[in-house]
């Protein structure tokens, strides 16, 4: 069996050990990554995911345990071995780019080859190849301050690749980018994995990124809590190893996680109702003050827990803040309550699994967004909704089918309309999800 390219065994990282400020950042981490895998390490801020990445990079020294990268045990390596690892085996990409402002773009890209003594003409030729590949060769003689955030990150990726590193470690690489630039960077990393066979380890807090990875490692409070496998690339023998205790995850939950930011298996069960309340209010409202939103969210929880009736819910929203209400006006409260009622009703109706539930839901969507769908396409539309609500596709798959031209098998809707429909479908899918499988374990 081929050995893993990265092995982390019993890794612990403790800051200020033995002092009153002692902090445990990583707790007994055990993971293995194989060559050619695309690994995503996902978790909230402060969970230790970046510390794990820096430990793999050799930038963070373990307090206990071992990290072996490309056959080198980092705890036992000398300075020369570490230098060789960084110059030839590992390329790093950071959220902040870390380009040198006084150097041109081509000189930034070629910097790693400068340190290994590569001939200037050869390194510039290699650098230009990478800039051309990433569509920024025309900026070669500019300075970083003249580029956009997305362009800077492409420069940083080119720099990480110039020495032909086998492993690319990326720490929140799209954290400072707009949505379009983020997509471009994530596509580049996916291409490097699938075409160039690079091993990618990506740290992120954004659950929207998980479908790019082969395996997703979930972290919380300094520990690895579970993993999800999208595409198995490990050798058959390695697949039998129980490195991580994995709680079974329903297809419904897996697809919901692809839509809602920061949604993880640990948020189901006892946390599912508060999460539903937060997503409902974010879905329906956006212009209220934070305080009014927070108070309304608590009333939604009571409604979802069935602690209050719909009439009491409306009255609570309409009551002044000083009297313990949310401080809305009656008209807004009634309109909001009606939207919440419609969403909950649709989710409950779908949960009953009646034969005509999908058609009823489809008619609700058509009326909600004033869609004009002829009879020939109506069956196709129902079919797409059934695929999503049956967890056969995720929200992204539904969006593709809705905005794909009719002649290519889609619905031919405008992208903006498709986005609104998907948002409605996803919030109802979330409301429909009970999390009972996890509730039994909590």
Protein backbone atom coordinates (compact mmCIF):
# COMPACT_ATOMS: atom_id res chain seq x y z
CA UNK A 1 0.00 0.00 0.00
CA UNK A 2 1.27 3.48 -0.86
CA UNK A 3 2.18 5.54 2.18
CA UNK A 4 0.22 8.72 2.90
CA UNK A 5 1.93 11.91 1.80
CA UNK A 6 0.90 13.60 5.09
CA UNK A 7 0.49 11.84 8.44
CA UNK A 8 -0.53 13.63 11.63
CA UNK A 9 -0.32 11.43 14.72
CA UNK A 10 -1.44 12.35 18.24
CA UNK A 11 -0.76 16.02 17.51
CA UNK A 12 -1.26 18.50 20.33
CA UNK A 13 -0.39 22.20 20.28
CA UNK A 14 -0.42 24.08 23.59
CA UNK A 15 0.36 27.78 23.86
CA UNK A 16 1.94 29.26 27.04
CA UNK A 17 2.33 25.77 28.47
CA UNK A 18 2.64 25.67 32.24
CA UNK A 19 1.48 29.27 32.76
CA UNK A 20 -1.82 30.78 33.87
CA UNK A 21 -2.48 31.66 30.21
CA UNK A 22 -2.08 28.08 28.95
CA UNK A 23 -4.28 27.47 25.89
CA UNK A 24 -4.81 24.16 24.10
CA UNK A 25 -5.15 24.85 20.37
CA UNK A 26 -5.09 21.28 19.03
CA UNK A 27 -6.18 18.13 20.89
CA UNK A 28 -4.87 14.73 19.82
CA UNK A 29 -5.25 15.15 16.05
CA UNK A 30 -4.90 11.98 13.94
CA UNK A 31 -5.33 12.33 10.18
CA UNK A 32 -3.72 10.95 7.02
CA UNK A 33 -3.79 12.47 3.54
CA UNK A 34 -2.79 10.63 0.37
CA UNK A 35 -1.08 12.00 -2.73
CA UNK A 36 -3.56 13.53 -5.18
CA UNK A 37 -6.31 14.12 -2.62
CA UNK A 38 -8.15 17.43 -2.26
CA UNK A 39 -8.71 17.85 1.47
CA UNK A 40 -10.87 20.58 2.98
CA UNK A 41 -10.52 21.37 6.68
CA UNK A 42 -13.75 23.08 7.72
CA UNK A 43 -14.72 24.72 10.97
CA UNK A 44 -15.61 28.00 12.67
CA UNK A 45 -13.07 30.68 13.52
CA UNK A 46 -10.81 29.69 16.39
CA UNK A 47 -11.37 25.93 16.06
CA UNK A 48 -7.68 25.22 15.33
CA UNK A 49 -7.88 24.51 11.60
CA UNK A 50 -5.18 27.05 10.65
CA UNK A 51 -2.94 25.79 13.46
CA UNK A 52 -3.27 22.29 11.99
CA UNK A 53 -2.34 23.61 8.54
CA UNK A 54 0.69 25.48 9.90
CA UNK A 55 1.76 22.34 11.77
CA UNK A 56 1.65 20.42 8.48
CA UNK A 57 3.65 23.23 6.86
CA UNK A 58 6.27 23.07 9.60
CA UNK A 59 5.54 26.63 10.67
CA UNK A 60 4.02 25.56 14.00
CA UNK A 61 6.04 23.23 16.25
CA UNK A 62 4.01 20.44 17.91
CA UNK A 63 3.88 20.33 21.70
CA UNK A 64 3.25 16.59 21.50
CA UNK A 65 2.89 14.16 18.62
CA UNK A 66 4.32 13.85 15.12
CA UNK A 67 3.75 15.35 11.69
CA UNK A 68 5.26 13.48 8.74
CA UNK A 69 5.23 15.22 5.33
CA UNK A 70 6.63 13.58 2.18
CA UNK A 71 8.43 11.04 4.37
CA UNK A 72 10.02 13.65 6.66
CA UNK A 73 9.16 13.72 10.38
CA UNK A 74 9.08 17.46 11.05
CA UNK A 75 9.80 17.06 14.77
CA UNK A 76 13.11 15.35 13.97
CA UNK A 77 14.09 17.35 10.88
CA UNK A 78 17.11 19.68 10.86
CA UNK A 79 17.17 23.15 9.29
CA UNK A 80 18.53 21.92 5.96
CA UNK A 81 15.79 19.28 5.64
CA UNK A 82 13.09 21.81 6.51
CA UNK A 83 14.48 24.28 3.98
CA UNK A 84 14.45 21.60 1.29
CA UNK A 85 10.85 20.68 2.18
CA UNK A 86 9.68 24.29 1.88
CA UNK A 87 11.60 24.94 -1.33
CA UNK A 88 10.60 21.80 -3.21
CA UNK A 89 7.64 19.96 -1.67
CA UNK A 90 5.26 22.54 -0.18
CA UNK A 91 3.65 25.62 -1.70
CA UNK A 92 1.59 27.91 0.51
CA UNK A 93 -1.27 30.30 -0.26
CA UNK A 94 -2.52 32.75 2.35
CA UNK A 95 -5.62 34.91 2.74
CA UNK A 96 -3.45 38.08 2.86
CA UNK A 97 -1.46 37.21 -0.35
CA UNK A 98 1.89 38.34 1.16
CA UNK A 99 3.21 39.75 -2.10
CA UNK A 100 6.23 42.06 -1.85
CA UNK A 101 4.99 45.50 -2.85
CA UNK A 102 8.40 46.71 -4.12
CA UNK A 103 8.76 43.82 -6.59
CA UNK A 104 7.00 43.44 -9.92
CA UNK A 105 4.48 40.65 -10.41
CA UNK A 106 6.91 38.46 -12.37
CA UNK A 107 9.60 38.96 -9.72
CA UNK A 108 7.14 38.02 -6.97
CA UNK A 109 6.28 34.80 -8.80
CA UNK A 110 9.96 33.95 -9.43
CA UNK A 111 11.14 34.71 -5.89
CA UNK A 112 11.21 31.05 -4.72
CA UNK A 113 13.44 30.17 -7.68
CA UNK A 114 15.73 33.06 -6.86
CA UNK A 115 16.38 31.50 -3.46
CA UNK A 116 17.43 28.17 -5.01
CA UNK A 117 19.79 29.92 -7.45
CA UNK A 118 17.88 29.30 -10.67
CA UNK A 119 19.14 31.18 -13.75
CA UNK A 120 17.22 34.44 -14.26
CA UNK A 121 16.12 33.73 -17.85
CA UNK A 122 14.90 30.24 -16.93
CA UNK A 123 12.95 31.36 -13.87
CA UNK A 124 11.32 34.24 -15.76
CA UNK A 125 10.29 31.86 -18.54
CA UNK A 126 8.71 29.51 -15.98
CA UNK A 127 7.05 32.45 -14.24
CA UNK A 128 5.53 33.77 -17.47
CA UNK A 129 4.14 30.31 -18.26
CA UNK A 130 2.25 30.34 -14.97
CA UNK A 131 1.03 33.93 -15.42
CA UNK A 132 -0.24 33.03 -18.89
CA UNK A 133 -1.96 29.96 -17.52
CA UNK A 134 -3.83 32.03 -14.96
CA UNK A 135 -4.69 34.83 -17.40
CA UNK A 136 -2.58 37.61 -15.87
CA UNK A 137 0.56 37.65 -18.07
CA UNK A 138 -0.24 41.22 -19.19
CA UNK A 139 0.35 42.35 -15.60
CA UNK A 140 3.84 40.83 -15.35
CA UNK A 141 5.65 44.16 -15.04
CA UNK A 142 3.11 45.85 -12.80
CA UNK A 143 3.31 46.06 -9.01
CA UNK A 144 0.90 44.37 -6.55
CA UNK A 145 -0.80 47.67 -5.70
CA UNK A 146 -2.02 47.87 -9.32
CA UNK A 147 -3.89 44.53 -9.19
CA UNK A 148 -7.26 43.48 -7.81
CA UNK A 149 -7.59 41.03 -4.93
CA UNK A 150 -8.44 38.14 -7.26
CA UNK A 151 -5.45 38.90 -9.49
CA UNK A 152 -3.14 39.08 -6.46
CA UNK A 153 -4.29 35.66 -5.29
CA UNK A 154 -3.60 34.19 -8.73
CA UNK A 155 -0.10 35.64 -8.50
CA UNK A 156 0.27 34.01 -5.07
CA UNK A 157 -0.83 30.65 -6.51
CA UNK A 158 1.70 31.00 -9.34
CA UNK A 159 4.41 31.72 -6.76
CA UNK A 160 3.41 28.61 -4.80
CA UNK A 161 3.75 26.50 -7.96
CA UNK A 162 6.99 27.90 -9.44
CA UNK A 163 9.18 25.28 -7.72
CA UNK A 164 6.78 22.49 -8.77
CA UNK A 165 5.64 21.71 -5.23
CA UNK A 166 3.64 18.50 -4.89
CA UNK A 167 1.60 19.78 -1.93
CA UNK A 168 -0.37 23.04 -1.90
CA UNK A 169 -1.51 24.32 1.51
CA UNK A 170 -4.13 27.07 1.33
CA UNK A 171 -5.24 29.04 4.40
CA UNK A 172 -8.61 30.77 3.73
CA UNK A 173 -7.38 31.70 0.21
CA UNK A 174 -10.64 33.42 -0.80
CA UNK A 175 -11.37 35.12 2.51
CA UNK A 176 -10.59 38.59 1.14
CA UNK A 177 -12.15 38.13 -2.29
CA UNK A 178 -15.53 38.89 -3.86
CA UNK A 179 -17.74 36.00 -4.95
CA UNK A 180 -16.61 35.94 -8.59
CA UNK A 181 -12.90 36.09 -7.73
CA UNK A 182 -13.47 33.39 -5.11
CA UNK A 183 -14.98 31.09 -7.73
CA UNK A 184 -12.00 31.67 -10.05
CA UNK A 185 -9.47 30.82 -7.33
CA UNK A 186 -11.39 27.72 -6.25
CA UNK A 187 -11.61 26.57 -9.88
CA UNK A 188 -7.84 26.98 -10.23
CA UNK A 189 -7.22 24.86 -7.13
CA UNK A 190 -9.61 22.20 -8.41
CA UNK A 191 -7.80 22.18 -11.76
CA UNK A 192 -4.42 21.84 -10.03
CA UNK A 193 -5.76 18.82 -8.19
CA UNK A 194 -7.50 17.09 -11.09
CA UNK A 195 -5.13 17.92 -13.96
CA UNK A 196 -1.76 18.52 -12.27
CA UNK A 197 -2.40 15.88 -9.57
CA UNK A 198 -1.34 18.26 -6.81
CA UNK A 199 -2.31 17.38 -3.25
CA UNK A 200 -4.47 20.27 -1.99
CA UNK A 201 -5.20 21.00 1.67
CA UNK A 202 -7.63 23.92 1.96
CA UNK A 203 -8.66 25.53 5.25
CA UNK A 204 -11.99 27.37 5.23
CA UNK A 205 -14.91 28.35 7.47
CA UNK A 206 -17.32 28.52 4.50
CA UNK A 207 -19.48 25.42 4.00
CA UNK A 208 -20.18 26.50 0.39
CA UNK A 209 -16.69 25.29 -0.52
CA UNK A 210 -17.09 21.68 0.55
CA UNK A 211 -18.22 20.30 -2.80
CA UNK A 212 -14.75 21.10 -4.24
CA UNK A 213 -13.03 18.62 -1.90
CA UNK A 214 -12.58 14.86 -2.03
CA UNK A 215 -12.66 14.62 1.77
CA UNK A 216 -13.91 17.20 4.26
CA UNK A 217 -12.43 17.17 7.76
CA UNK A 218 -14.69 18.94 10.28
CA UNK A 219 -13.07 20.58 13.30
CA UNK A 220 -14.44 22.10 16.47
CA UNK A 221 -12.74 23.30 19.66
CA UNK A 222 -9.29 22.09 18.58
CA UNK A 223 -10.40 18.57 17.66
CA UNK A 224 -11.42 16.67 14.54
CA UNK A 225 -15.06 15.68 15.04
CA UNK A 226 -16.01 13.93 11.80
CA UNK A 227 -15.25 13.63 8.11
CA UNK A 228 -17.25 13.46 4.88
CA UNK A 229 -16.14 11.74 1.69
CA UNK A 230 -17.19 13.18 -1.67
CA UNK A 231 -14.74 11.24 -3.82
CA UNK A 232 -12.63 8.37 -2.52
CA UNK A 233 -9.00 8.59 -3.69
CA UNK A 234 -7.33 6.65 -0.88
CA UNK A 235 -5.94 3.15 -1.53
CA UNK A 236 -8.46 0.38 -0.69
CA UNK A 237 -6.44 -0.72 2.34
CA UNK A 238 -6.43 2.82 3.74
CA UNK A 239 -10.19 3.10 3.44
CA UNK A 240 -10.55 0.40 6.09
CA UNK A 241 -8.68 2.39 8.70
CA UNK A 242 -10.93 3.98 11.32
CA UNK A 243 -8.93 7.17 11.72
CA UNK A 244 -11.95 9.27 12.61
CA UNK A 245 -15.20 8.28 14.27
CA UNK A 246 -17.80 9.23 11.67
CA UNK A 247 -21.43 9.79 12.53
CA UNK A 248 -23.71 8.70 9.68
CA UNK A 249 -24.94 11.70 7.73
CA UNK A 250 -28.21 11.64 5.84
CA UNK A 251 -28.15 12.70 2.16
CA UNK A 252 -30.66 15.42 3.07
CA UNK A 253 -28.32 16.98 5.62
CA UNK A 254 -25.30 16.71 3.33
CA UNK A 255 -27.07 18.68 0.61
CA UNK A 256 -28.39 21.29 3.04
CA UNK A 257 -24.82 21.86 4.24
CA UNK A 258 -23.86 22.85 0.71
CA UNK A 259 -26.36 25.71 0.75
CA UNK A 260 -26.34 27.27 4.21
CA UNK A 261 -23.16 28.95 5.43
CA UNK A 262 -21.60 27.58 8.62
CA UNK A 263 -24.07 24.68 8.69
CA UNK A 264 -22.46 21.49 10.01
CA UNK A 265 -23.56 18.19 11.53
CA UNK A 266 -22.96 19.64 14.96
CA UNK A 267 -25.76 22.17 14.41
CA UNK A 268 -28.52 19.61 14.07
CA UNK A 269 -30.51 17.96 16.85
CA UNK A 270 -30.86 20.38 19.75
CA UNK A 271 -29.55 23.31 17.65
CA UNK A 272 -31.69 22.82 14.56
CA UNK A 273 -34.62 25.00 15.69
CA UNK A 274 -32.45 28.03 16.62
CA UNK A 275 -30.67 27.63 13.29
CA UNK A 276 -33.98 27.45 11.43
CA UNK A 277 -35.12 30.62 13.19
CA UNK A 278 -31.95 32.46 12.18
CA UNK A 279 -32.20 31.36 8.54
CA UNK A 280 -35.92 32.15 8.32
CA UNK A 281 -35.49 35.73 9.48
CA UNK A 282 -32.46 36.22 7.22
CA UNK A 283 -34.43 34.80 4.28
CA UNK A 284 -37.52 36.97 4.70
CA UNK A 285 -36.12 40.21 6.15
CA UNK A 286 -32.99 42.24 5.67
CA UNK A 287 -33.70 45.88 6.55
CA UNK A 288 -34.70 45.74 10.23
CA UNK A 289 -32.37 46.84 13.03
CA UNK A 290 -30.21 44.16 14.66
CA UNK A 291 -32.11 44.41 17.95
CA UNK A 292 -35.50 44.01 16.31
CA UNK A 293 -34.17 41.05 14.32
CA UNK A 294 -32.73 39.40 17.42
CA UNK A 295 -35.97 39.71 19.39
CA UNK A 296 -38.03 38.50 16.43
CA UNK A 297 -35.71 35.52 16.10
CA UNK A 298 -36.52 34.48 19.66
CA UNK A 299 -40.24 34.67 18.92
CA UNK A 300 -39.71 32.51 15.83
CA UNK A 301 -38.02 29.90 18.01
CA UNK A 302 -41.08 29.88 20.28
CA UNK A 303 -43.30 29.49 17.22
CA UNK A 304 -41.22 26.61 15.85
CA UNK A 305 -41.16 24.95 19.26
CA UNK A 306 -44.97 25.49 19.32
CA UNK A 307 -44.73 27.43 22.57
CA UNK A 308 -46.89 30.22 21.10
CA UNK A 309 -49.68 30.44 18.53
CA UNK A 310 -49.53 32.40 15.26
CA UNK A 311 -51.79 35.08 16.72
CA UNK A 312 -49.51 35.48 19.75
CA UNK A 313 -46.54 35.57 17.37
CA UNK A 314 -48.04 38.49 15.42
CA UNK A 315 -48.96 40.33 18.62
CA UNK A 316 -45.42 39.84 20.01
CA UNK A 317 -43.87 41.30 16.85
CA UNK A 318 -46.25 44.28 16.99
CA UNK A 319 -45.63 45.07 20.68
CA UNK A 320 -43.21 47.92 21.51
CA UNK A 321 -39.64 47.10 22.53
CA UNK A 322 -40.21 48.73 25.95
CA UNK A 323 -43.05 46.30 26.59
CA UNK A 324 -41.06 43.19 25.64
CA UNK A 325 -42.05 42.97 21.99
CA UNK A 326 -40.06 43.26 18.75
CA UNK A 327 -41.17 46.82 18.01
CA UNK A 328 -42.58 46.18 14.53
CA UNK A 329 -45.73 47.76 13.17
CA UNK A 330 -48.84 45.63 12.75
CA UNK A 331 -48.82 45.64 8.96
CA UNK A 332 -45.23 44.40 8.77
CA UNK A 333 -45.85 41.85 11.52
CA UNK A 334 -48.88 40.38 9.71
CA UNK A 335 -47.08 40.25 6.34
CA UNK A 336 -44.05 38.60 7.93
CA UNK A 337 -46.17 36.09 9.83
CA UNK A 338 -47.97 35.17 6.60
CA UNK A 339 -44.63 34.47 4.87
CA UNK A 340 -43.47 32.35 7.78
CA UNK A 341 -46.82 30.53 7.78
CA UNK A 342 -46.53 29.75 4.05
CA UNK A 343 -42.99 28.39 4.41
CA UNK A 344 -43.83 26.24 7.43
CA UNK A 345 -47.05 25.00 5.79
CA UNK A 346 -45.19 23.97 2.62
CA UNK A 347 -42.48 22.19 4.60
CA UNK A 348 -45.05 20.31 6.70
CA UNK A 349 -47.08 19.38 3.63
CA UNK A 350 -43.97 17.98 1.93
CA UNK A 351 -43.06 16.03 5.06
CA UNK A 352 -46.39 14.17 4.86
CA UNK A 353 -45.24 12.71 1.51
CA UNK A 354 -48.64 12.86 -0.15
CA UNK A 355 -48.75 11.77 -3.83
CA UNK A 356 -49.53 15.29 -5.03
CA UNK A 357 -47.18 17.12 -2.61
CA UNK A 358 -44.58 18.00 -5.25
CA UNK A 359 -47.23 19.36 -7.65
CA UNK A 360 -48.75 21.47 -4.84
CA UNK A 361 -45.32 22.76 -3.93
CA UNK A 362 -44.56 23.50 -7.58
CA UNK A 363 -47.75 25.55 -7.86
CA UNK A 364 -46.76 27.44 -4.73
CA UNK A 365 -43.40 28.34 -6.31
CA UNK A 366 -45.06 29.35 -9.58
CA UNK A 367 -47.49 31.68 -7.75
CA UNK A 368 -44.84 33.01 -5.36
CA UNK A 369 -42.57 34.14 -8.22
CA UNK A 370 -45.23 34.75 -10.92
CA UNK A 371 -43.68 32.18 -13.25
CA UNK A 372 -45.09 31.52 -16.70
CA UNK A 373 -44.46 27.84 -17.42
CA UNK A 374 -46.28 26.10 -20.27
CA UNK A 375 -47.76 22.64 -19.81
CA UNK A 376 -44.95 20.93 -21.72
CA UNK A 377 -42.35 22.22 -19.25
CA UNK A 378 -44.47 21.83 -16.14
CA UNK A 379 -43.61 18.14 -15.70
CA UNK A 380 -39.92 18.95 -16.11
CA UNK A 381 -40.19 21.66 -13.45
CA UNK A 382 -41.89 19.27 -11.01
CA UNK A 383 -39.19 16.73 -11.77
CA UNK A 384 -36.42 19.14 -10.84
CA UNK A 385 -38.15 20.02 -7.57
CA UNK A 386 -38.59 16.33 -6.79
CA UNK A 387 -34.88 15.68 -7.41
CA UNK A 388 -33.91 18.41 -4.96
CA UNK A 389 -36.45 17.57 -2.26
CA UNK A 390 -35.57 13.89 -2.61
CA UNK A 391 -31.91 14.81 -1.97
CA UNK A 392 -30.83 13.56 -5.40
CA UNK A 393 -29.24 16.94 -6.22
CA UNK A 394 -28.20 19.95 -4.13
CA UNK A 395 -29.15 23.62 -4.45
CA UNK A 396 -26.40 24.25 -6.97
CA UNK A 397 -27.69 21.40 -9.13
CA UNK A 398 -31.21 22.81 -9.00
CA UNK A 399 -29.96 26.26 -9.99
CA UNK A 400 -28.14 24.83 -13.02
CA UNK A 401 -31.27 23.06 -14.19
CA UNK A 402 -33.45 26.14 -13.76
CA UNK A 403 -31.24 28.56 -15.69
CA UNK A 404 -30.07 26.12 -18.40
CA UNK A 405 -31.76 26.83 -21.78
CA UNK A 406 -34.84 24.75 -22.56
CA UNK A 407 -33.24 23.17 -25.64
CA UNK A 408 -30.48 21.78 -23.44
CA UNK A 409 -32.90 20.21 -20.97
CA UNK A 410 -33.34 23.08 -18.50
CA UNK A 411 -36.11 25.56 -17.69
CA UNK A 412 -34.55 28.60 -19.38
CA UNK A 413 -35.22 30.94 -16.43
CA UNK A 414 -33.26 34.13 -15.80
CA UNK A 415 -30.40 33.65 -13.34
CA UNK A 416 -31.92 36.11 -10.86
CA UNK A 417 -35.24 34.25 -10.90
CA UNK A 418 -33.48 30.90 -10.55
CA UNK A 419 -31.54 32.21 -7.55
CA UNK A 420 -34.74 33.33 -5.82
CA UNK A 421 -36.46 30.00 -6.44
CA UNK A 422 -33.46 28.04 -5.14
CA UNK A 423 -33.36 30.22 -2.02
CA UNK A 424 -37.05 29.48 -1.36
CA UNK A 425 -36.64 25.76 -2.01
CA UNK A 426 -33.59 25.54 0.26
CA UNK A 427 -35.23 27.32 3.19
CA UNK A 428 -38.24 24.99 2.89
CA UNK A 429 -35.94 21.97 2.65
CA UNK A 430 -34.28 23.16 5.86
CA UNK A 431 -37.64 23.60 7.59
CA UNK A 432 -38.61 20.10 6.45
CA UNK A 433 -35.44 18.59 7.92
CA UNK A 434 -36.06 17.30 11.45
CA UNK A 435 -32.60 16.12 12.49
CA UNK A 436 -34.20 13.25 14.43
CA UNK A 437 -31.31 10.94 13.56
CA UNK A 438 -28.97 13.21 15.50
CA UNK A 439 -31.44 14.09 18.25
CA UNK A 440 -31.36 10.48 19.37
CA UNK A 441 -27.61 10.75 19.91
CA UNK A 442 -27.65 14.02 21.84
